[in-house]
N, C-alpha and C. Protein backbone atom coordinates (compact mmCIF):
# COMPACT_ATOMS: atom_id res chain seq x y z
N UNK A 1 1.55 11.72 1.24
CA UNK A 1 0.37 12.38 0.69
C UNK A 1 -0.79 12.20 1.67
N UNK A 2 -1.42 13.28 2.02
CA UNK A 2 -2.50 13.25 2.98
C UNK A 2 -3.81 12.87 2.29
N UNK A 3 -4.61 12.05 2.97
CA UNK A 3 -5.89 11.62 2.44
C UNK A 3 -6.90 12.75 2.56
N UNK A 4 -7.78 12.93 1.56
CA UNK A 4 -8.82 13.95 1.65
C UNK A 4 -9.74 13.68 2.85
N UNK A 5 -10.39 14.71 3.31
CA UNK A 5 -11.28 14.59 4.47
C UNK A 5 -12.45 13.65 4.18
N UNK A 6 -12.73 12.77 5.13
CA UNK A 6 -13.84 11.83 5.03
C UNK A 6 -14.91 12.29 6.01
N UNK A 7 -16.16 12.42 5.53
CA UNK A 7 -17.24 12.91 6.38
C UNK A 7 -17.62 11.90 7.47
N UNK A 8 -17.64 10.62 7.12
CA UNK A 8 -18.04 9.60 8.07
C UNK A 8 -16.89 8.60 8.20
N UNK A 9 -15.93 8.94 9.03
CA UNK A 9 -14.70 8.15 9.19
C UNK A 9 -14.99 6.72 9.64
N UNK A 10 -15.95 6.56 10.56
CA UNK A 10 -16.29 5.23 11.07
C UNK A 10 -16.83 4.34 9.95
N UNK A 11 -17.70 4.88 9.12
CA UNK A 11 -18.24 4.11 8.01
C UNK A 11 -17.14 3.79 7.00
N UNK A 12 -16.27 4.75 6.74
CA UNK A 12 -15.16 4.55 5.82
C UNK A 12 -14.31 3.36 6.26
N UNK A 13 -13.93 3.35 7.54
CA UNK A 13 -13.09 2.26 8.06
C UNK A 13 -13.82 0.93 8.00
N UNK A 14 -15.11 0.91 8.29
CA UNK A 14 -15.89 -0.33 8.23
C UNK A 14 -15.93 -0.87 6.79
N UNK A 15 -16.08 0.02 5.83
CA UNK A 15 -16.09 -0.40 4.43
C UNK A 15 -14.73 -0.94 4.00
N UNK A 16 -13.67 -0.27 4.43
CA UNK A 16 -12.31 -0.74 4.11
C UNK A 16 -12.08 -2.12 4.71
N UNK A 17 -12.57 -2.35 5.94
CA UNK A 17 -12.44 -3.66 6.59
C UNK A 17 -13.19 -4.75 5.82
N UNK A 18 -14.27 -4.36 5.14
CA UNK A 18 -15.04 -5.32 4.34
C UNK A 18 -14.38 -5.60 2.99
N UNK A 19 -13.33 -4.84 2.67
CA UNK A 19 -12.61 -5.08 1.42
C UNK A 19 -12.90 -4.10 0.31
N UNK A 20 -13.70 -3.06 0.59
CA UNK A 20 -13.97 -2.05 -0.42
C UNK A 20 -12.69 -1.26 -0.71
N UNK A 21 -12.58 -0.75 -1.92
CA UNK A 21 -11.41 0.06 -2.28
C UNK A 21 -11.47 1.38 -1.52
N UNK A 22 -10.33 2.07 -1.45
CA UNK A 22 -10.28 3.37 -0.79
C UNK A 22 -11.24 4.34 -1.47
N UNK A 23 -11.23 4.33 -2.80
CA UNK A 23 -12.07 5.26 -3.56
C UNK A 23 -13.55 5.02 -3.30
N UNK A 24 -13.96 3.75 -3.39
CA UNK A 24 -15.38 3.44 -3.19
C UNK A 24 -15.80 3.72 -1.75
N UNK A 25 -14.95 3.38 -0.79
CA UNK A 25 -15.26 3.63 0.62
C UNK A 25 -15.43 5.12 0.87
N UNK A 26 -14.54 5.93 0.31
CA UNK A 26 -14.63 7.38 0.49
C UNK A 26 -15.88 7.93 -0.17
N UNK A 27 -16.19 7.43 -1.36
CA UNK A 27 -17.38 7.91 -2.08
C UNK A 27 -18.64 7.64 -1.26
N UNK A 28 -18.74 6.44 -0.69
CA UNK A 28 -19.91 6.08 0.11
C UNK A 28 -19.94 6.89 1.41
N UNK A 29 -18.82 6.96 2.09
CA UNK A 29 -18.75 7.65 3.38
C UNK A 29 -18.93 9.16 3.25
N UNK A 30 -18.75 9.70 2.06
CA UNK A 30 -18.90 11.14 1.87
C UNK A 30 -20.25 11.54 1.29
N UNK A 31 -21.13 10.59 1.08
CA UNK A 31 -22.45 10.93 0.56
C UNK A 31 -23.27 11.62 1.64
N UNK A 32 -24.19 12.44 1.19
CA UNK A 32 -25.11 13.10 2.13
C UNK A 32 -25.88 12.01 2.85
N UNK A 33 -26.06 12.12 4.13
CA UNK A 33 -26.77 11.13 4.95
C UNK A 33 -26.06 9.79 4.98
N UNK A 34 -24.74 9.79 4.86
CA UNK A 34 -24.01 8.52 4.86
C UNK A 34 -24.23 7.79 6.17
N UNK A 35 -24.37 6.49 6.06
CA UNK A 35 -24.55 5.65 7.24
C UNK A 35 -25.99 5.53 7.68
N UNK A 36 -26.89 6.28 7.06
CA UNK A 36 -28.29 6.20 7.44
C UNK A 36 -29.01 5.25 6.49
N UNK A 37 -29.93 4.48 7.04
CA UNK A 37 -30.72 3.56 6.23
C UNK A 37 -32.10 4.15 5.98
N UNK A 38 -32.79 3.54 5.07
CA UNK A 38 -34.16 3.95 4.84
C UNK A 38 -34.33 5.00 3.77
N UNK A 39 -33.39 5.04 2.83
CA UNK A 39 -33.51 5.99 1.74
C UNK A 39 -34.72 5.69 0.88
N UNK A 40 -35.16 6.66 0.16
CA UNK A 40 -36.35 6.49 -0.65
C UNK A 40 -36.06 6.75 -2.12
N UNK A 41 -35.00 6.15 -2.62
CA UNK A 41 -34.68 6.37 -4.03
C UNK A 41 -35.55 5.46 -4.88
N UNK A 42 -35.74 5.89 -6.12
CA UNK A 42 -36.52 5.12 -7.08
C UNK A 42 -35.85 3.78 -7.36
N UNK A 43 -36.66 2.77 -7.60
CA UNK A 43 -36.12 1.47 -7.99
C UNK A 43 -35.49 1.63 -9.37
N UNK A 44 -34.43 0.86 -9.61
CA UNK A 44 -33.75 0.96 -10.90
C UNK A 44 -34.73 0.73 -12.06
N UNK A 45 -35.64 -0.19 -11.91
CA UNK A 45 -36.58 -0.50 -12.99
C UNK A 45 -37.49 0.67 -13.33
N UNK A 46 -37.67 1.59 -12.39
CA UNK A 46 -38.53 2.74 -12.62
C UNK A 46 -37.78 3.93 -13.21
N UNK A 47 -36.48 3.82 -13.32
CA UNK A 47 -35.67 4.90 -13.88
C UNK A 47 -35.54 4.73 -15.40
N UNK A 48 -35.23 5.84 -16.06
CA UNK A 48 -35.00 5.78 -17.50
C UNK A 48 -33.60 5.22 -17.75
N UNK A 49 -33.37 4.79 -18.99
CA UNK A 49 -32.04 4.30 -19.35
C UNK A 49 -31.01 5.41 -19.17
N UNK A 50 -31.38 6.64 -19.51
CA UNK A 50 -30.46 7.78 -19.36
C UNK A 50 -30.09 8.01 -17.89
N UNK A 51 -31.07 7.90 -17.00
CA UNK A 51 -30.79 8.05 -15.57
C UNK A 51 -29.85 6.95 -15.08
N UNK A 52 -30.09 5.73 -15.55
CA UNK A 52 -29.22 4.62 -15.18
C UNK A 52 -27.81 4.82 -15.73
N UNK A 53 -27.72 5.31 -16.95
CA UNK A 53 -26.42 5.58 -17.57
C UNK A 53 -25.66 6.62 -16.74
N UNK A 54 -26.34 7.68 -16.33
CA UNK A 54 -25.69 8.73 -15.54
C UNK A 54 -25.21 8.18 -14.20
N UNK A 55 -26.00 7.32 -13.57
CA UNK A 55 -25.58 6.71 -12.31
C UNK A 55 -24.36 5.81 -12.54
N UNK A 56 -24.38 5.04 -13.62
CA UNK A 56 -23.25 4.17 -13.95
C UNK A 56 -22.00 5.00 -14.20
N UNK A 57 -22.17 6.15 -14.81
CA UNK A 57 -21.04 7.05 -15.07
C UNK A 57 -20.47 7.57 -13.75
N UNK A 58 -21.35 7.92 -12.81
CA UNK A 58 -20.91 8.42 -11.50
C UNK A 58 -20.05 7.41 -10.76
N UNK A 59 -20.42 6.12 -10.85
CA UNK A 59 -19.70 5.10 -10.10
C UNK A 59 -18.60 4.43 -10.92
N UNK A 60 -18.44 4.86 -12.18
CA UNK A 60 -17.31 4.41 -12.98
C UNK A 60 -17.45 3.03 -13.61
N UNK A 61 -18.66 2.66 -14.01
CA UNK A 61 -18.85 1.36 -14.66
C UNK A 61 -18.38 1.46 -16.10
N UNK A 62 -17.45 0.58 -16.45
CA UNK A 62 -16.91 0.60 -17.81
C UNK A 62 -17.84 -0.14 -18.76
N UNK A 63 -17.87 0.31 -20.01
CA UNK A 63 -18.69 -0.34 -21.03
C UNK A 63 -20.15 0.07 -20.98
N UNK A 64 -20.47 1.06 -20.19
CA UNK A 64 -21.86 1.47 -19.98
C UNK A 64 -22.54 1.99 -21.25
N UNK A 65 -21.76 2.58 -22.15
CA UNK A 65 -22.36 3.18 -23.34
C UNK A 65 -22.98 2.15 -24.28
N UNK A 66 -22.56 0.91 -24.18
CA UNK A 66 -23.11 -0.13 -25.05
C UNK A 66 -24.11 -1.03 -24.33
N UNK A 67 -24.39 -0.73 -23.06
CA UNK A 67 -25.28 -1.60 -22.27
C UNK A 67 -26.75 -1.24 -22.49
N UNK A 68 -27.57 -2.28 -22.41
CA UNK A 68 -29.02 -2.09 -22.43
C UNK A 68 -29.46 -1.66 -21.03
N UNK A 69 -30.72 -1.30 -20.90
CA UNK A 69 -31.24 -0.89 -19.59
C UNK A 69 -31.07 -2.02 -18.58
N UNK A 70 -31.41 -3.24 -18.96
CA UNK A 70 -31.27 -4.39 -18.06
C UNK A 70 -29.82 -4.63 -17.66
N UNK A 71 -28.90 -4.44 -18.61
CA UNK A 71 -27.48 -4.62 -18.32
C UNK A 71 -26.98 -3.53 -17.36
N UNK A 72 -27.47 -2.31 -17.55
CA UNK A 72 -27.08 -1.22 -16.65
C UNK A 72 -27.56 -1.51 -15.22
N UNK A 73 -28.80 -2.00 -15.10
CA UNK A 73 -29.34 -2.34 -13.79
C UNK A 73 -28.48 -3.41 -13.12
N UNK A 74 -28.15 -4.45 -13.86
CA UNK A 74 -27.34 -5.54 -13.32
C UNK A 74 -25.96 -5.01 -12.89
N UNK A 75 -25.35 -4.18 -13.73
CA UNK A 75 -24.03 -3.64 -13.41
C UNK A 75 -24.07 -2.75 -12.17
N UNK A 76 -25.10 -1.94 -12.05
CA UNK A 76 -25.23 -1.06 -10.88
C UNK A 76 -25.45 -1.87 -9.60
N UNK A 77 -26.21 -2.93 -9.70
CA UNK A 77 -26.45 -3.76 -8.52
C UNK A 77 -25.22 -4.54 -8.09
N UNK A 78 -24.37 -4.85 -9.03
CA UNK A 78 -23.17 -5.63 -8.72
C UNK A 78 -21.96 -4.78 -8.43
N UNK A 79 -22.12 -3.47 -8.49
CA UNK A 79 -21.01 -2.56 -8.25
C UNK A 79 -20.74 -2.39 -6.79
């Protein structure tokens, strides 16, 4: 089975070497502007609980529907 195309192959391999799963490495390496630092995303504390829930859903955090805002923040940071 052939692996789907990875946008940033070098970053993908570096993440795999660090022990990240294939899925997580591909997800990170395929993001827009992958490998670039200095993003300007909102701090988790400034986001709504719904925004945090949606982000947790994107990255596959289990049990997110019963988590408080603080629990969602902690889970996202530890993912």
